Amino acid sequence: MAVQNENTALTTPLSITGKAEELDRELPGQLATFTESIAKTGSNLDELKTQHAAAVKALEAENKKKLDDKKKGERFQDGEHPTESESCGRVQGRQTGVR
């Protein structure tokens, strides 16, 4: 029994009709073309899986960075001071009072 979500094009039984001479002449080429298209489908699926995994990984990294930045901001608002590494690269404007 076939699963309802399966692609029927890939599960349809092969049915061949024709004269023996026609089959001898045309069938090998048609089978080669069909086999090649199935192989490409599998290759495309592997490529899509790889691209999807990379996109998910990039999105997770971006979300982690946003969450880390948000946590740092909340901590500084609560009165804590940034560590040297956290404030590195930040420009802090100070007025000296010198005229």
C-alpha atoms as a PDB file:
ATOM      1  CA  MET A   1       0.000   0.000   0.000  1.00  0.00           C
ATOM      2  CA  ALA A   2       1.435   3.404  -1.020  1.00  0.00           C
ATOM      3  CA  VAL A   3       1.691   6.307   1.381  1.00  0.00           C
ATOM      4  CA  GLN A   4      -0.712   9.101   0.415  1.00  0.00           C
ATOM      5  CA  ASN A   5       2.011  11.789   0.309  1.00  0.00           C
ATOM      6  CA  GLU A   6       4.276   9.912  -2.109  1.00  0.00           C
ATOM      7  CA  ASN A   7       4.910  11.376  -5.530  1.00  0.00           C
ATOM      8  CA  THR A   8       2.945   9.160  -7.923  1.00  0.00           C
ATOM      9  CA  ALA A   9       5.336   9.892 -10.795  1.00  0.00           C
ATOM     10  CA  LEU A  10       8.074   8.026  -8.970  1.00  0.00           C
ATOM     11  CA  THR A  11       5.871   5.119  -7.879  1.00  0.00           C
ATOM     12  CA  THR A  12       3.924   4.458 -11.097  1.00  0.00           C
ATOM     13  CA  PRO A  13       4.772   1.036 -12.547  1.00  0.00           C
ATOM     14  CA  LEU A  14       6.506   0.979 -15.929  1.00  0.00           C
ATOM     15  CA  SER A  15       4.222  -0.082 -18.745  1.00  0.00           C
ATOM     16  CA  ILE A  16       5.609  -0.688 -22.249  1.00  0.00           C
ATOM     17  CA  THR A  17       3.682  -1.240 -25.467  1.00  0.00           C
ATOM     18  CA  GLY A  18       4.908  -1.489 -29.018  1.00  0.00           C
ATOM     19  CA  LYS A  19       6.371  -3.801 -31.588  1.00  0.00           C
ATOM     20  CA  ALA A  20       9.529  -5.714 -30.730  1.00  0.00           C
ATOM     21  CA  GLU A  21      11.550  -3.771 -33.338  1.00  0.00           C
ATOM     22  CA  GLU A  22      10.376  -0.424 -31.900  1.00  0.00           C
ATOM     23  CA  LEU A  23      11.188  -1.496 -28.375  1.00  0.00           C
ATOM     24  CA  ASP A  24      14.622  -2.756 -29.376  1.00  0.00           C
ATOM     25  CA  ARG A  25      15.351   0.542 -31.109  1.00  0.00           C
ATOM     26  CA  GLU A  26      13.827   3.105 -28.712  1.00  0.00           C
ATOM     27  CA  LEU A  27      13.625   1.544 -25.254  1.00  0.00           C
ATOM     28  CA  PRO A  28      17.326   1.728 -24.265  1.00  0.00           C
ATOM     29  CA  GLY A  29      17.477   5.481 -24.975  1.00  0.00           C
ATOM     30  CA  GLN A  30      14.196   6.148 -23.172  1.00  0.00           C
ATOM     31  CA  LEU A  31      15.293   4.129 -20.141  1.00  0.00           C
ATOM     32  CA  ALA A  32      18.629   5.973 -20.051  1.00  0.00           C
ATOM     33  CA  THR A  33      16.837   9.343 -20.175  1.00  0.00           C
ATOM     34  CA  PHE A  34      14.385   8.267 -17.476  1.00  0.00           C
ATOM     35  CA  THR A  35      17.164   6.957 -15.231  1.00  0.00           C
ATOM     36  CA  GLU A  36      19.141  10.172 -15.693  1.00  0.00           C
ATOM     37  CA  SER A  37      16.127  12.291 -14.700  1.00  0.00           C
ATOM     38  CA  ILE A  38      15.625  10.224 -11.528  1.00  0.00           C
ATOM     39  CA  ALA A  39      19.318  10.569 -10.653  1.00  0.00           C
ATOM     40  CA  LYS A  40      19.136  14.359 -11.156  1.00  0.00           C
ATOM     41  CA  THR A  41      16.089  14.518  -8.894  1.00  0.00           C
ATOM     42  CA  GLY A  42      18.043  12.803  -6.116  1.00  0.00           C
ATOM     43  CA  SER A  43      21.013  15.092  -6.694  1.00  0.00           C
ATOM     44  CA  ASN A  44      18.775  18.171  -6.584  1.00  0.00           C
ATOM     45  CA  LEU A  45      17.244  16.987  -3.317  1.00  0.00           C
ATOM     46  CA  ASP A  46      20.699  16.572  -1.769  1.00  0.00           C
ATOM     47  CA  GLU A  47      21.675  20.061  -2.931  1.00  0.00           C
ATOM     48  CA  LEU A  48      18.450  21.539  -1.522  1.00  0.00           C
ATOM     49  CA  LYS A  49      19.022  19.795   1.809  1.00  0.00           C
ATOM     50  CA  THR A  50      22.547  21.219   1.976  1.00  0.00           C
ATOM     51  CA  GLN A  51      21.343  24.739   1.144  1.00  0.00           C
ATOM     52  CA  HIS A  52      18.519  24.463   3.685  1.00  0.00           C
ATOM     53  CA  ALA A  53      20.900  23.309   6.423  1.00  0.00           C
ATOM     54  CA  ALA A  54      23.251  26.228   5.676  1.00  0.00           C
ATOM     55  CA  ALA A  55      20.372  28.720   5.751  1.00  0.00           C
ATOM     56  CA  VAL A  56      19.096  27.334   9.067  1.00  0.00           C
ATOM     57  CA  LYS A  57      22.596  27.506  10.554  1.00  0.00           C
ATOM     58  CA  ALA A  58      23.023  31.134   9.434  1.00  0.00           C
ATOM     59  CA  LEU A  59      19.610  32.082  10.830  1.00  0.00           C
ATOM     60  CA  GLU A  60      20.364  30.416  14.158  1.00  0.00           C
ATOM     61  CA  ALA A  61      23.696  32.273  14.383  1.00  0.00           C
ATOM     62  CA  GLU A  62      21.983  35.578  13.610  1.00  0.00           C
ATOM     63  CA  ASN A  63      19.277  34.942  16.219  1.00  0.00           C
ATOM     64  CA  LYS A  64      21.910  33.989  18.819  1.00  0.00           C
ATOM     65  CA  LYS A  65      23.826  37.208  18.118  1.00  0.00           C
ATOM     66  CA  LYS A  66      20.646  39.297  18.470  1.00  0.00           C
ATOM     67  CA  LEU A  67      19.788  37.551  21.739  1.00  0.00           C
ATOM     68  CA  ASP A  68      23.312  38.064  23.081  1.00  0.00           C
ATOM     69  CA  ASP A  69      23.206  41.757  22.107  1.00  0.00           C
ATOM     70  CA  LYS A  70      19.827  42.135  23.798  1.00  0.00           C
ATOM     71  CA  LYS A  71      21.100  40.474  26.989  1.00  0.00           C
ATOM     72  CA  LYS A  72      24.128  42.810  27.046  1.00  0.00           C
ATOM     73  CA  GLY A  73      21.875  45.843  26.640  1.00  0.00           C
ATOM     74  CA  GLU A  74      19.579  44.753  29.472  1.00  0.00           C
ATOM     75  CA  ARG A  75      22.539  44.131  31.775  1.00  0.00           C
ATOM     76  CA  PHE A  76      23.987  47.607  31.124  1.00  0.00           C
ATOM     77  CA  GLN A  77      20.617  49.242  31.772  1.00  0.00           C
ATOM     78  CA  ASP A  78      20.498  47.544  35.181  1.00  0.00           C
ATOM     79  CA  GLY A  79      23.582  49.475  36.287  1.00  0.00           C
ATOM     80  CA  GLU A  80      26.312  46.997  35.454  1.00  0.00           C
ATOM     81  CA  HIS A  81      29.262  48.255  33.482  1.00  0.00           C
ATOM     82  CA  PRO A  82      30.553  46.596  30.328  1.00  0.00           C
ATOM     83  CA  THR A  83      33.750  44.615  30.568  1.00  0.00           C
ATOM     84  CA  GLU A  84      36.785  45.835  28.639  1.00  0.00           C
ATOM     85  CA  SER A  85      36.132  43.363  25.824  1.00  0.00           C
ATOM     86  CA  GLU A  86      32.455  44.349  25.627  1.00  0.00           C
ATOM     87  CA  SER A  87      33.244  48.061  25.410  1.00  0.00           C
ATOM     88  CA  CYS A  88      36.102  47.548  22.945  1.00  0.00           C
ATOM     89  CA  GLY A  89      35.318  49.301  19.718  1.00  0.00           C
ATOM     90  CA  ARG A  90      32.685  51.483  21.324  1.00  0.00           C
ATOM     91  CA  VAL A  91      33.206  55.220  21.066  1.00  0.00           C
ATOM     92  CA  GLN A  92      32.421  56.909  24.335  1.00  0.00           C
ATOM     93  CA  GLY A  93      31.981  60.647  24.101  1.00  0.00           C
ATOM     94  CA  ARG A  94      33.200  62.606  27.108  1.00  0.00           C
ATOM     95  CA  GLN A  95      33.288  66.286  27.677  1.00  0.00           C
ATOM     96  CA  THR A  96      36.383  67.533  29.465  1.00  0.00           C
ATOM     97  CA  GLY A  97      35.154  70.973  30.404  1.00  0.00           C
ATOM     98  CA  VAL A  98      38.176  72.589  28.720  1.00  0.00           C
ATOM     99  CA  ARG A  99      37.357  75.616  26.599  1.00  0.00           C
END
